[in-house]
């Protein structure tokens, strides 16, 4: 038998910065019989006050000019020192060959009156996985199982880094205990003390909560006692609303003087966005020439949605593209540049864009590249294009155009109300009959189930025209329903599926969602669901992301 070789034996405190007595651990490093370097962490059953511990020599402090100890304290520290010495002897003795044998030897000494009693925790000690390591490992598995997009994965990784920073900076035990409900609450409190906004905390808590829930569902998580955590979202401040950049403000921006090639590059880049309505990522793709041309129309596949945007190749667009491509700065701007937002603000301030926006700030202070998209959409709607037509121009859905990007003024709405119907012998123009006002905060109340069902029927017609292309499902879903309506949408879709399966309508209306889901299992063979779809559909959860995933699966069944 190959004999294991001991490397070192050390003694460390669990929380060296604690103001209270903290557990003392024996840390061993050794080569096992397979030639692997192993670390073993064994609780000694003793607690030591950090101020009375000499970390350099790894023994209790018994003699110091700055510390006065009572006789009882001296006796306790003397006992710990003796115990440490005996553990070192056990570890370094010649017959050591395995970690389990060391624990067995310690167990044999437990009846020795000269040695402190060994606790069951010491005898059964095992190395536990670190929380930081588990988070990083299971995040990748979660991303692979749930097919998380690369951009979302980067965001999740950043959230994990902050959670790991909390573990280290607050001297938490780097173990599965960090995944407990109390630790999760402490993490939220720490974020608030760091000055994080409610929106950021809610977003981060949802991500960490999902990963902990995923870990809890694994064998290792169950073995470590990990259970899902709960979180009540904090109240967020009202989201800042973007607005249209007015024609006179656009003219002022066009006429602003630039000092160098870099400012000219960013100025032309923003003007190109105003002319096309594209996101900055798609605008950079446009500059690279990564698109198709049909007549006088550029067909660009958008990066974020994977949809096609149809851009009119006007004289202004052609000239701006030429200016940007010949600018020396274009050679070094291969990726999305975070400097764009800053340069837009600088140039806007120089152009005198000081109008006070609905958010109570000057336009030059809050303007960003995305204001160009909102401006483009609002201008096209004012010209009479329909929501669907404008959606094709920028590669988005009509619902997003109506609810998010359009900002009609009172004048626009009044003008739309004064439109007269065309004469019988006059061809009907392909324009929008009226502009819809922006949905206000007061309007955002949950829809009734009847209206939700009508919206679902409308979505069904749209998807049938698309030949059941689900690439834009999430986009249509977010655009059609509010967050507080998702549960009702799920409730109605579930019943629509059973109506499609020719079940008695009267029976299903009085059954709970849980009863219907259990009944749905009997139709697995008919529905032909994948293993992943079954996992998502049959799990009991109210998580927003997973409710949407369930709705997508039920919607697909309903369409078949």
Protein backbone atom coordinates (compact mmCIF):
# COMPACT_ATOMS: atom_id res chain seq x y z
CA UNK A 1 0.00 0.00 0.00
CA UNK A 2 1.29 3.49 -0.89
CA UNK A 3 1.79 5.52 2.28
CA UNK A 4 0.50 9.10 2.45
CA UNK A 5 3.06 11.77 3.25
CA UNK A 6 2.31 14.60 5.67
CA UNK A 7 3.30 18.11 4.52
CA UNK A 8 2.29 20.40 7.39
CA UNK A 9 0.01 20.83 10.39
CA UNK A 10 -1.38 24.26 11.32
CA UNK A 11 -3.95 25.66 13.72
CA UNK A 12 -6.22 28.54 12.64
CA UNK A 13 -9.18 30.42 14.03
CA UNK A 14 -12.47 30.33 12.20
CA UNK A 15 -13.01 34.11 12.49
CA UNK A 16 -9.67 35.75 13.31
CA UNK A 17 -11.17 39.27 13.41
CA UNK A 18 -14.08 38.39 15.68
CA UNK A 19 -14.49 40.14 19.03
CA UNK A 20 -15.89 36.96 20.55
CA UNK A 21 -14.39 33.52 21.10
CA UNK A 22 -14.26 31.62 17.81
CA UNK A 23 -13.69 27.91 16.99
CA UNK A 24 -10.13 26.58 16.61
CA UNK A 25 -9.42 24.33 13.63
CA UNK A 26 -6.58 21.94 12.82
CA UNK A 27 -5.50 22.35 9.17
CA UNK A 28 -3.48 19.53 7.57
CA UNK A 29 -1.80 19.34 4.18
CA UNK A 30 -0.61 15.95 2.95
CA UNK A 31 -0.01 13.86 -0.18
CA UNK A 32 -2.52 11.01 -0.38
CA UNK A 33 -1.80 7.52 -1.70
CA UNK A 34 -2.73 8.69 -5.22
CA UNK A 35 -0.13 11.45 -5.21
CA UNK A 36 -2.65 14.30 -4.80
CA UNK A 37 -2.12 17.23 -2.43
CA UNK A 38 -5.01 17.26 0.08
CA UNK A 39 -6.17 19.83 2.61
CA UNK A 40 -8.05 18.54 5.66
CA UNK A 41 -9.86 20.89 8.05
CA UNK A 42 -10.71 19.41 11.47
CA UNK A 43 -12.65 21.20 14.26
CA UNK A 44 -10.89 20.79 17.62
CA UNK A 45 -13.95 21.47 19.74
CA UNK A 46 -12.24 24.48 21.39
CA UNK A 47 -12.95 28.20 21.14
CA UNK A 48 -10.28 30.89 21.53
CA UNK A 49 -10.61 34.65 21.81
CA UNK A 50 -8.72 36.13 18.79
CA UNK A 51 -7.04 38.73 21.01
CA UNK A 52 -5.51 35.86 23.01
CA UNK A 53 -4.20 33.95 19.99
CA UNK A 54 -0.66 34.13 18.60
CA UNK A 55 -1.22 33.48 14.89
CA UNK A 56 2.50 33.49 14.10
CA UNK A 57 3.39 30.71 16.56
CA UNK A 58 -0.14 29.19 16.43
CA UNK A 59 -0.54 28.92 20.19
CA UNK A 60 -2.59 30.83 22.79
CA UNK A 61 -1.03 33.93 24.36
CA UNK A 62 -0.32 33.22 28.04
CA UNK A 63 2.26 35.89 28.88
CA UNK A 64 1.99 39.47 27.66
CA UNK A 65 2.64 42.86 29.20
CA UNK A 66 -0.53 44.19 27.58
CA UNK A 67 -2.85 41.41 28.79
CA UNK A 68 -3.71 40.44 32.36
CA UNK A 69 -5.15 36.90 32.62
CA UNK A 70 -7.04 35.33 35.50
CA UNK A 71 -6.00 31.94 36.92
CA UNK A 72 -9.01 30.32 35.22
CA UNK A 73 -8.04 31.81 31.85
CA UNK A 74 -4.47 30.62 32.27
CA UNK A 75 -5.70 27.10 33.03
CA UNK A 76 -7.95 27.07 29.97
CA UNK A 77 -5.23 28.36 27.65
CA UNK A 78 -2.74 25.92 29.13
CA UNK A 79 -5.14 23.06 28.43
CA UNK A 80 -5.56 24.23 24.81
CA UNK A 81 -1.78 24.52 24.37
CA UNK A 82 -1.32 20.96 25.70
CA UNK A 83 -4.05 19.68 23.43
CA UNK A 84 -2.47 21.34 20.35
CA UNK A 85 0.88 19.73 21.21
CA UNK A 86 -0.67 16.26 21.47
CA UNK A 87 -2.47 16.69 18.14
CA UNK A 88 0.82 17.64 16.48
CA UNK A 89 2.43 14.49 17.92
CA UNK A 90 -0.41 12.34 16.57
CA UNK A 91 -0.07 13.92 13.14
CA UNK A 92 3.74 13.70 12.90
CA UNK A 93 4.17 10.21 14.36
CA UNK A 94 5.77 7.62 12.06
CA UNK A 95 2.74 5.36 11.60
CA UNK A 96 0.62 8.09 9.93
CA UNK A 97 -0.52 6.85 6.54
CA UNK A 98 -4.02 8.24 6.03
CA UNK A 99 -6.22 11.07 7.27
CA UNK A 100 -8.84 8.56 8.50
CA UNK A 101 -6.17 6.78 10.58
CA UNK A 102 -5.27 10.07 12.24
CA UNK A 103 -8.88 10.58 13.29
CA UNK A 104 -9.01 7.00 14.53
CA UNK A 105 -5.91 7.59 16.65
CA UNK A 106 -7.43 10.76 18.05
CA UNK A 107 -10.56 8.77 18.87
CA UNK A 108 -8.49 6.24 20.83
CA UNK A 109 -7.02 9.07 22.91
CA UNK A 110 -10.44 10.47 23.78
CA UNK A 111 -10.62 8.39 27.00
CA UNK A 112 -7.20 9.59 28.12
CA UNK A 113 -7.72 11.80 31.19
CA UNK A 114 -4.60 13.78 30.32
CA UNK A 115 -6.13 14.81 27.02
CA UNK A 116 -9.22 16.93 26.47
CA UNK A 117 -12.29 14.98 25.27
CA UNK A 118 -12.77 14.70 21.52
CA UNK A 119 -16.21 15.70 20.26
CA UNK A 120 -18.23 13.62 17.75
CA UNK A 121 -17.90 16.60 15.39
CA UNK A 122 -14.11 16.15 15.52
CA UNK A 123 -14.28 12.39 14.88
CA UNK A 124 -16.74 12.76 11.95
CA UNK A 125 -15.07 15.84 10.46
CA UNK A 126 -15.12 16.12 6.67
CA UNK A 127 -13.92 18.79 4.31
CA UNK A 128 -16.83 20.96 3.16
CA UNK A 129 -16.87 22.76 -0.22
CA UNK A 130 -16.31 26.50 -0.29
CA UNK A 131 -19.29 28.70 -1.13
CA UNK A 132 -17.25 30.84 -3.54
CA UNK A 133 -16.13 27.77 -5.48
CA UNK A 134 -19.65 26.27 -5.56
CA UNK A 135 -21.16 29.52 -6.86
CA UNK A 136 -18.76 29.76 -9.79
CA UNK A 137 -19.05 26.07 -10.62
CA UNK A 138 -22.84 25.86 -10.50
CA UNK A 139 -23.32 29.18 -12.29
CA UNK A 140 -21.75 27.65 -15.40
CA UNK A 141 -23.93 24.54 -15.08
CA UNK A 142 -27.03 26.72 -14.58
CA UNK A 143 -26.13 28.79 -17.66
CA UNK A 144 -25.68 25.62 -19.72
CA UNK A 145 -28.93 24.01 -18.53
CA UNK A 146 -31.04 27.15 -18.94
CA UNK A 147 -29.25 28.28 -22.13
CA UNK A 148 -28.41 31.70 -20.67
CA UNK A 149 -27.21 34.25 -23.22
CA UNK A 150 -23.58 35.35 -23.11
CA UNK A 151 -24.49 38.92 -22.17
CA UNK A 152 -26.67 37.68 -19.30
CA UNK A 153 -23.94 35.27 -18.19
CA UNK A 154 -21.44 38.13 -17.88
CA UNK A 155 -23.96 40.02 -15.73
CA UNK A 156 -24.54 36.93 -13.56
CA UNK A 157 -20.77 36.49 -13.11
CA UNK A 158 -20.45 40.10 -11.96
CA UNK A 159 -23.21 39.52 -9.41
CA UNK A 160 -21.44 36.39 -8.15
CA UNK A 161 -18.21 38.38 -7.75
CA UNK A 162 -20.01 40.88 -5.52
CA UNK A 163 -21.48 38.05 -3.41
CA UNK A 164 -17.98 36.53 -3.05
CA UNK A 165 -16.65 39.98 -2.13
CA UNK A 166 -19.24 40.14 0.67
CA UNK A 167 -18.13 36.72 1.97
CA UNK A 168 -14.48 37.78 2.14
CA UNK A 169 -14.86 41.40 3.25
CA UNK A 170 -17.22 40.55 6.14
CA UNK A 171 -15.21 37.47 7.27
CA UNK A 172 -18.05 35.05 6.60
CA UNK A 173 -17.33 31.33 6.77
CA UNK A 174 -16.66 30.33 3.17
CA UNK A 175 -19.00 27.34 3.23
CA UNK A 176 -22.54 26.35 2.33
CA UNK A 177 -23.72 28.29 5.41
CA UNK A 178 -23.44 31.42 3.26
CA UNK A 179 -26.45 30.14 1.31
CA UNK A 180 -28.77 30.19 4.36
CA UNK A 181 -31.71 32.59 4.61
CA UNK A 182 -30.06 34.58 7.44
CA UNK A 183 -26.83 34.96 5.44
CA UNK A 184 -28.83 36.04 2.38
CA UNK A 185 -30.58 38.73 4.47
CA UNK A 186 -27.17 39.88 5.77
CA UNK A 187 -25.95 40.14 2.17
CA UNK A 188 -28.93 42.34 1.22
CA UNK A 189 -28.27 44.56 4.27
CA UNK A 190 -24.61 44.83 3.27
CA UNK A 191 -25.60 45.94 -0.24
CA UNK A 192 -27.87 48.63 1.20
CA UNK A 193 -25.10 49.86 3.48
CA UNK A 194 -22.82 50.04 0.43
CA UNK A 195 -25.26 52.50 -1.12
CA UNK A 196 -26.61 50.21 -3.86
CA UNK A 197 -29.91 51.27 -5.41
CA UNK A 198 -33.09 49.28 -4.85
CA UNK A 199 -33.13 48.34 -8.54
CA UNK A 200 -29.57 46.97 -8.39
CA UNK A 201 -30.27 45.07 -5.16
CA UNK A 202 -33.45 43.50 -6.58
CA UNK A 203 -31.65 42.43 -9.74
CA UNK A 204 -28.70 40.96 -7.82
CA UNK A 205 -30.91 39.21 -5.23
CA UNK A 206 -32.91 37.51 -8.00
CA UNK A 207 -29.74 36.19 -9.64
CA UNK A 208 -28.14 34.94 -6.40
CA UNK A 209 -31.48 33.45 -5.32
CA UNK A 210 -31.77 31.49 -8.58
CA UNK A 211 -28.25 30.08 -8.27
CA UNK A 212 -28.84 29.07 -4.61
CA UNK A 213 -32.10 27.41 -5.65
CA UNK A 214 -30.23 25.56 -8.41
CA UNK A 215 -27.52 24.42 -5.97
CA UNK A 216 -30.23 23.21 -3.54
CA UNK A 217 -31.62 20.95 -6.27
CA UNK A 218 -28.27 19.16 -6.75
CA UNK A 219 -27.04 16.15 -4.71
CA UNK A 220 -24.11 18.15 -3.33
CA UNK A 221 -26.39 21.02 -2.33
CA UNK A 222 -28.80 18.65 -0.58
CA UNK A 223 -25.88 17.00 1.22
CA UNK A 224 -24.67 20.39 2.46
CA UNK A 225 -28.18 21.33 3.64
CA UNK A 226 -28.72 24.12 1.08
CA UNK A 227 -32.36 25.20 0.70
CA UNK A 228 -33.90 27.90 -1.56
CA UNK A 229 -34.01 31.41 -0.13
CA UNK A 230 -36.85 33.92 -0.36
CA UNK A 231 -36.65 37.62 -1.09
CA UNK A 232 -39.20 40.42 -1.06
CA UNK A 233 -38.19 42.98 -3.71
CA UNK A 234 -37.41 46.46 -2.43
CA UNK A 235 -39.51 49.34 -3.64
CA UNK A 236 -37.82 50.94 -6.64
CA UNK A 237 -37.90 54.58 -7.58
CA UNK A 238 -39.85 55.54 -10.67
CA UNK A 239 -37.87 54.68 -13.79
CA UNK A 240 -36.59 57.67 -15.73
CA UNK A 241 -38.46 58.19 -18.96
CA UNK A 242 -36.62 58.92 -22.20
CA UNK A 243 -38.03 61.58 -24.48
CA UNK A 244 -37.84 62.82 -28.06
CA UNK A 245 -35.02 65.13 -29.15
CA UNK A 246 -36.80 68.06 -30.82
CA UNK A 247 -36.02 69.11 -34.45
CA UNK A 248 -34.41 72.40 -33.39
CA UNK A 249 -32.22 70.51 -30.88
CA UNK A 250 -31.12 68.09 -33.62
CA UNK A 251 -30.19 71.06 -35.82
CA UNK A 252 -28.17 72.59 -32.95
CA UNK A 253 -26.36 69.27 -32.48
CA UNK A 254 -25.59 69.05 -36.21
CA UNK A 255 -24.11 72.58 -36.18
CA UNK A 256 -21.99 72.15 -33.04
CA UNK A 257 -18.25 72.57 -33.62
CA UNK A 258 -15.91 69.66 -32.94
CA UNK A 259 -12.29 69.94 -31.77
CA UNK A 260 -10.77 66.73 -33.10
CA UNK A 261 -11.40 63.52 -35.07
CA UNK A 262 -12.65 61.69 -31.99
CA UNK A 263 -15.42 64.22 -31.33
CA UNK A 264 -16.33 64.22 -35.04
CA UNK A 265 -16.51 60.40 -35.00
CA UNK A 266 -18.92 60.34 -32.04
CA UNK A 267 -20.98 63.22 -33.43
CA UNK A 268 -21.48 61.47 -36.79
CA UNK A 269 -22.14 58.16 -35.02
CA UNK A 270 -25.01 59.69 -33.01
CA UNK A 271 -26.41 61.44 -36.09
CA UNK A 272 -26.39 58.08 -37.90
CA UNK A 273 -28.39 56.62 -35.01
CA UNK A 274 -30.88 59.49 -35.34
CA UNK A 275 -31.23 58.73 -39.06
CA UNK A 276 -31.68 54.96 -38.69
CA UNK A 277 -33.12 54.38 -35.19
CA UNK A 278 -30.64 51.56 -34.51
CA UNK A 279 -29.01 50.61 -31.21
CA UNK A 280 -25.32 51.43 -30.93
CA UNK A 281 -24.36 47.75 -31.36
CA UNK A 282 -26.31 47.53 -34.62
CA UNK A 283 -25.02 50.92 -35.79
CA UNK A 284 -21.41 49.70 -35.43
CA UNK A 285 -22.41 46.59 -37.41
CA UNK A 286 -23.86 48.89 -40.07
CA UNK A 287 -20.56 50.80 -40.27
CA UNK A 288 -18.65 47.56 -40.81
CA UNK A 289 -20.85 46.81 -43.82
CA UNK A 290 -22.28 43.63 -42.31
CA UNK A 291 -25.67 43.79 -44.05
CA UNK A 292 -27.53 43.04 -47.30
CA UNK A 293 -28.95 45.53 -49.79
CA UNK A 294 -32.19 45.24 -51.75
CA UNK A 295 -32.80 48.23 -54.03
CA UNK A 296 -32.55 51.31 -51.82
CA UNK A 297 -33.08 49.40 -48.59
CA UNK A 298 -30.41 48.07 -46.21
CA UNK A 299 -31.41 44.80 -44.53
CA UNK A 300 -29.57 44.50 -41.20
CA UNK A 301 -29.88 41.56 -38.80
CA UNK A 302 -29.94 43.04 -35.29
CA UNK A 303 -27.56 41.70 -32.65
CA UNK A 304 -29.80 41.81 -29.57
CA UNK A 305 -32.99 40.34 -31.06
CA UNK A 306 -31.72 38.56 -34.17
CA UNK A 307 -34.53 40.23 -36.18
CA UNK A 308 -34.20 42.10 -39.47
CA UNK A 309 -34.22 45.90 -39.63
CA UNK A 310 -35.12 47.54 -42.95
CA UNK A 311 -33.24 50.85 -43.28
CA UNK A 312 -33.86 53.33 -46.10
CA UNK A 313 -30.55 54.11 -47.81
CA UNK A 314 -31.14 57.88 -47.91
CA UNK A 315 -28.59 60.48 -48.95
CA UNK A 316 -28.06 61.45 -45.29
CA UNK A 317 -27.38 57.84 -44.23
CA UNK A 318 -24.96 57.30 -47.14
CA UNK A 319 -23.03 60.51 -46.38
CA UNK A 320 -22.77 59.76 -42.65
CA UNK A 321 -21.52 56.24 -43.32
CA UNK A 322 -18.86 57.60 -45.66
CA UNK A 323 -17.73 60.23 -43.12
CA UNK A 324 -17.44 57.66 -40.33
CA UNK A 325 -15.59 55.10 -42.47
CA UNK A 326 -12.99 57.70 -43.58
CA UNK A 327 -12.49 59.02 -40.03
CA UNK A 328 -9.12 57.79 -38.59
CA UNK A 329 -10.88 57.06 -35.27
CA UNK A 330 -13.03 54.41 -36.98
CA UNK A 331 -10.01 52.10 -37.26
CA UNK A 332 -9.66 51.82 -33.48
CA UNK A 333 -13.38 51.61 -32.64
CA UNK A 334 -14.08 47.94 -33.31
CA UNK A 335 -16.38 47.29 -30.34
CA UNK A 336 -19.05 49.14 -28.41
CA UNK A 337 -17.27 52.10 -26.85
CA UNK A 338 -18.36 53.28 -23.40
CA UNK A 339 -16.99 56.73 -24.28
CA UNK A 340 -19.93 57.38 -26.63
CA UNK A 341 -22.32 58.37 -23.85
CA UNK A 342 -19.86 60.85 -22.38
CA UNK A 343 -19.08 62.49 -25.75
CA UNK A 344 -22.80 62.83 -26.55
CA UNK A 345 -23.28 64.69 -23.26
CA UNK A 346 -20.26 66.96 -23.91
CA UNK A 347 -21.38 67.83 -27.46
CA UNK A 348 -25.01 68.32 -26.33
CA UNK A 349 -23.89 70.74 -23.61
CA UNK A 350 -21.80 72.61 -26.18
CA UNK A 351 -24.83 72.75 -28.48
CA UNK A 352 -26.91 74.27 -25.66
CA UNK A 353 -29.43 71.44 -25.22
CA UNK A 354 -30.58 72.65 -21.81
CA UNK A 355 -34.31 71.93 -22.07
CA UNK A 356 -35.72 70.51 -18.83
CA UNK A 357 -36.99 66.98 -19.47
CA UNK A 358 -39.91 65.24 -17.69
CA UNK A 359 -37.32 63.78 -15.31
CA UNK A 360 -36.47 67.26 -14.01
CA UNK A 361 -32.96 67.29 -15.53
CA UNK A 362 -31.46 69.18 -18.45
CA UNK A 363 -31.34 67.18 -21.68
CA UNK A 364 -27.54 67.46 -21.98
CA UNK A 365 -27.15 65.85 -18.52
CA UNK A 366 -29.25 62.76 -19.15
CA UNK A 367 -29.02 62.23 -22.91
CA UNK A 368 -27.70 58.87 -24.13
CA UNK A 369 -27.33 57.04 -27.44
CA UNK A 370 -30.72 55.35 -26.92
CA UNK A 371 -32.50 58.72 -27.15
CA UNK A 372 -31.85 58.54 -30.90
CA UNK A 373 -34.00 55.39 -31.16
CA UNK A 374 -36.88 57.00 -29.25
CA UNK A 375 -36.61 60.13 -31.42
CA UNK A 376 -36.58 58.18 -34.68
CA UNK A 377 -39.68 56.18 -33.71
CA UNK A 378 -41.62 59.24 -32.54
CA UNK A 379 -40.84 61.10 -35.78
CA UNK A 380 -41.93 58.19 -37.99
CA UNK A 381 -45.20 57.78 -36.07
CA UNK A 382 -45.86 61.50 -36.48
CA UNK A 383 -45.35 61.09 -40.23
CA UNK A 384 -48.17 58.52 -40.25
CA UNK A 385 -46.36 55.20 -40.30
CA UNK A 386 -48.02 52.35 -38.39
CA UNK A 387 -46.53 50.65 -35.34
CA UNK A 388 -45.82 47.57 -37.45
CA UNK A 389 -44.06 49.59 -40.18
CA UNK A 390 -41.84 51.43 -37.70
CA UNK A 391 -41.12 48.10 -35.97
CA UNK A 392 -39.80 46.74 -39.29
CA UNK A 393 -37.58 49.81 -39.66
CA UNK A 394 -35.75 49.28 -36.36
CA UNK A 395 -36.14 45.50 -35.97
CA UNK A 396 -38.63 45.53 -33.10
CA UNK A 397 -42.25 44.54 -32.47
CA UNK A 398 -45.30 46.80 -32.87
CA UNK A 399 -46.07 46.38 -29.17
CA UNK A 400 -42.67 47.74 -28.16
CA UNK A 401 -43.10 50.65 -30.56
CA UNK A 402 -46.46 51.51 -29.03
CA UNK A 403 -45.57 51.07 -25.36
CA UNK A 404 -41.90 52.01 -25.11
CA UNK A 405 -40.50 54.04 -27.98
CA UNK A 406 -43.34 56.29 -29.10
CA UNK A 407 -43.68 59.67 -27.33
CA UNK A 408 -46.63 61.49 -28.96
CA UNK A 409 -47.26 65.02 -27.74
CA UNK A 410 -50.67 66.53 -26.98
CA UNK A 411 -50.52 68.21 -30.40
CA UNK A 412 -49.95 64.84 -32.07
CA UNK A 413 -52.93 63.32 -30.28
CA UNK A 414 -55.22 66.27 -31.09
CA UNK A 415 -54.12 66.15 -34.74
CA UNK A 416 -54.91 62.43 -34.89
CA UNK A 417 -58.40 63.06 -33.52
CA UNK A 418 -59.08 65.61 -36.28
CA UNK A 419 -58.29 63.17 -39.10
CA UNK A 420 -61.31 62.72 -41.38
CA UNK A 421 -62.21 59.35 -42.95
CA UNK A 422 -61.26 59.04 -46.62
CA UNK A 423 -63.93 59.40 -49.34
CA UNK A 424 -65.35 56.24 -50.85
CA UNK A 425 -63.46 56.73 -54.14
CA UNK A 426 -60.17 57.64 -52.39
CA UNK A 427 -57.60 54.87 -51.87
CA UNK A 428 -56.96 54.26 -48.20
CA UNK A 429 -53.39 55.36 -47.38
CA UNK A 430 -51.22 52.82 -45.60
CA UNK A 431 -50.74 54.99 -42.56
CA UNK A 432 -51.71 54.80 -38.95
CA UNK A 433 -55.21 56.16 -38.30
CA UNK A 434 -54.33 57.58 -34.89
CA UNK A 435 -51.53 57.84 -32.41
CA UNK A 436 -51.98 56.20 -29.03
CA UNK A 437 -51.01 58.09 -25.87
CA UNK A 438 -48.15 56.72 -23.82
CA UNK A 439 -49.31 54.42 -21.06
CA UNK A 440 -48.99 56.29 -17.78
CA UNK A 441 -48.21 54.86 -14.37
CA UNK A 442 -51.86 55.23 -13.35
CA UNK A 443 -52.94 53.13 -16.36
CA UNK A 444 -50.67 50.21 -15.44
CA UNK A 445 -53.25 48.15 -13.56
CA UNK A 446 -53.66 44.39 -14.04
CA UNK A 447 -55.94 43.56 -16.94
CA UNK A 448 -59.02 41.43 -16.42
CA UNK A 449 -58.80 37.77 -17.42
CA UNK A 450 -61.21 38.37 -20.32
CA UNK A 451 -58.94 41.06 -21.79
CA UNK A 452 -55.86 38.91 -21.19
CA UNK A 453 -57.50 36.07 -23.10
CA UNK A 454 -58.29 38.43 -25.99
CA UNK A 455 -54.67 39.56 -26.07
CA UNK A 456 -53.53 35.94 -26.11
CA UNK A 457 -55.84 35.24 -29.06
CA UNK A 458 -54.36 38.25 -30.84
CA UNK A 459 -50.83 36.99 -30.16
CA UNK A 460 -51.86 33.59 -31.45
CA UNK A 461 -52.92 35.16 -34.76
CA UNK A 462 -49.57 37.00 -34.99
CA UNK A 463 -47.58 33.81 -34.40
CA UNK A 464 -49.65 31.87 -36.92
CA UNK A 465 -48.80 34.52 -39.52
CA UNK A 466 -45.13 34.15 -38.56
CA UNK A 467 -45.45 30.39 -39.07
CA UNK A 468 -44.91 29.79 -35.33
CA UNK A 469 -41.53 31.55 -35.19
CA UNK A 470 -40.83 31.92 -31.43
CA UNK A 471 -37.65 34.00 -31.69
CA UNK A 472 -39.54 37.11 -30.49
CA UNK A 473 -41.77 35.45 -27.88
CA UNK A 474 -40.19 37.14 -24.84
CA UNK A 475 -40.30 40.52 -26.58
CA UNK A 476 -44.00 40.14 -27.46
CA UNK A 477 -44.76 38.82 -23.98
CA UNK A 478 -43.10 41.78 -22.20
CA UNK A 479 -44.80 44.20 -24.58
CA UNK A 480 -48.26 42.69 -24.09
CA UNK A 481 -48.45 42.11 -20.35
CA UNK A 482 -47.37 43.75 -17.12
CA UNK A 483 -45.34 41.88 -14.54
CA UNK A 484 -48.30 41.59 -12.15
CA UNK A 485 -50.33 39.92 -14.93
CA UNK A 486 -47.94 37.00 -15.60
CA UNK A 487 -49.64 34.62 -13.14
CA UNK A 488 -53.06 35.26 -14.70
CA UNK A 489 -51.60 34.73 -18.19
CA UNK A 490 -50.21 31.36 -17.02
CA UNK A 491 -53.57 30.52 -15.42
CA UNK A 492 -55.49 31.22 -18.67
CA UNK A 493 -52.97 29.49 -20.97
CA UNK A 494 -53.14 26.34 -18.85
CA UNK A 495 -56.90 26.18 -19.28
CA UNK A 496 -56.71 26.99 -23.00
CA UNK A 497 -54.40 24.00 -23.42
CA UNK A 498 -56.94 21.68 -21.77
CA UNK A 499 -59.75 23.09 -23.90
CA UNK A 500 -57.58 22.25 -26.93
CA UNK A 501 -57.18 18.73 -25.52
CA UNK A 502 -61.02 18.42 -25.57
CA UNK A 503 -61.41 18.39 -21.81
CA UNK A 504 -64.70 19.42 -20.20
CA UNK A 505 -64.62 23.23 -19.94
CA UNK A 506 -66.79 23.26 -16.79
CA UNK A 507 -64.48 20.87 -14.92
CA UNK A 508 -61.21 22.66 -15.62
CA UNK A 509 -62.56 26.07 -14.60
CA UNK A 510 -63.01 24.83 -11.01
CA UNK A 511 -59.64 23.05 -10.77
CA UNK A 512 -56.48 24.62 -9.35
CA UNK A 513 -53.35 25.18 -11.44
CA UNK A 514 -51.57 22.46 -9.46
CA UNK A 515 -54.32 19.93 -10.21
CA UNK A 516 -54.22 20.79 -13.91
CA UNK A 517 -50.44 20.46 -14.09
CA UNK A 518 -50.63 17.03 -12.45
CA UNK A 519 -53.32 16.03 -14.94
CA UNK A 520 -51.15 17.31 -17.81
CA UNK A 521 -48.58 14.62 -17.04
CA UNK A 522 -50.99 12.03 -18.48
CA UNK A 523 -50.67 13.69 -21.89
CA UNK A 524 -46.83 13.62 -22.04
CA UNK A 525 -46.76 11.23 -24.99
CA UNK A 526 -49.29 13.27 -26.97
CA UNK A 527 -47.60 16.60 -26.26
CA UNK A 528 -44.10 15.32 -27.15
CA UNK A 529 -42.35 17.58 -24.64
CA UNK A 530 -38.58 17.48 -24.22
CA UNK A 531 -37.02 16.53 -20.89
CA UNK A 532 -36.03 20.16 -20.28
CA UNK A 533 -39.57 21.38 -21.06
CA UNK A 534 -41.04 18.87 -18.61
CA UNK A 535 -38.64 20.03 -15.89
CA UNK A 536 -39.63 23.67 -16.38
CA UNK A 537 -43.37 22.99 -16.70
CA UNK A 538 -43.76 20.67 -13.71
CA UNK A 539 -41.66 22.50 -11.14
CA UNK A 540 -43.53 24.40 -8.44
CA UNK A 541 -42.31 28.00 -8.54
CA UNK A 542 -43.50 31.60 -8.74
CA UNK A 543 -40.20 32.95 -10.06
CA UNK A 544 -40.91 35.52 -12.80
CA UNK A 545 -38.37 34.15 -15.26
CA UNK A 546 -39.66 30.59 -14.88
CA UNK A 547 -43.33 31.66 -15.14
CA UNK A 548 -42.48 33.23 -18.53
CA UNK A 549 -40.70 30.01 -19.58
CA UNK A 550 -43.81 28.01 -18.59
CA UNK A 551 -46.05 30.39 -20.54
CA UNK A 552 -43.87 29.95 -23.63
CA UNK A 553 -44.19 26.14 -23.46
CA UNK A 554 -47.97 26.30 -22.91
CA UNK A 555 -48.30 28.83 -25.75
CA UNK A 556 -46.47 26.46 -28.12
CA UNK A 557 -48.77 23.56 -27.09
CA UNK A 558 -51.79 25.80 -27.63
CA UNK A 559 -50.61 26.68 -31.17
CA UNK A 560 -49.99 23.07 -32.26
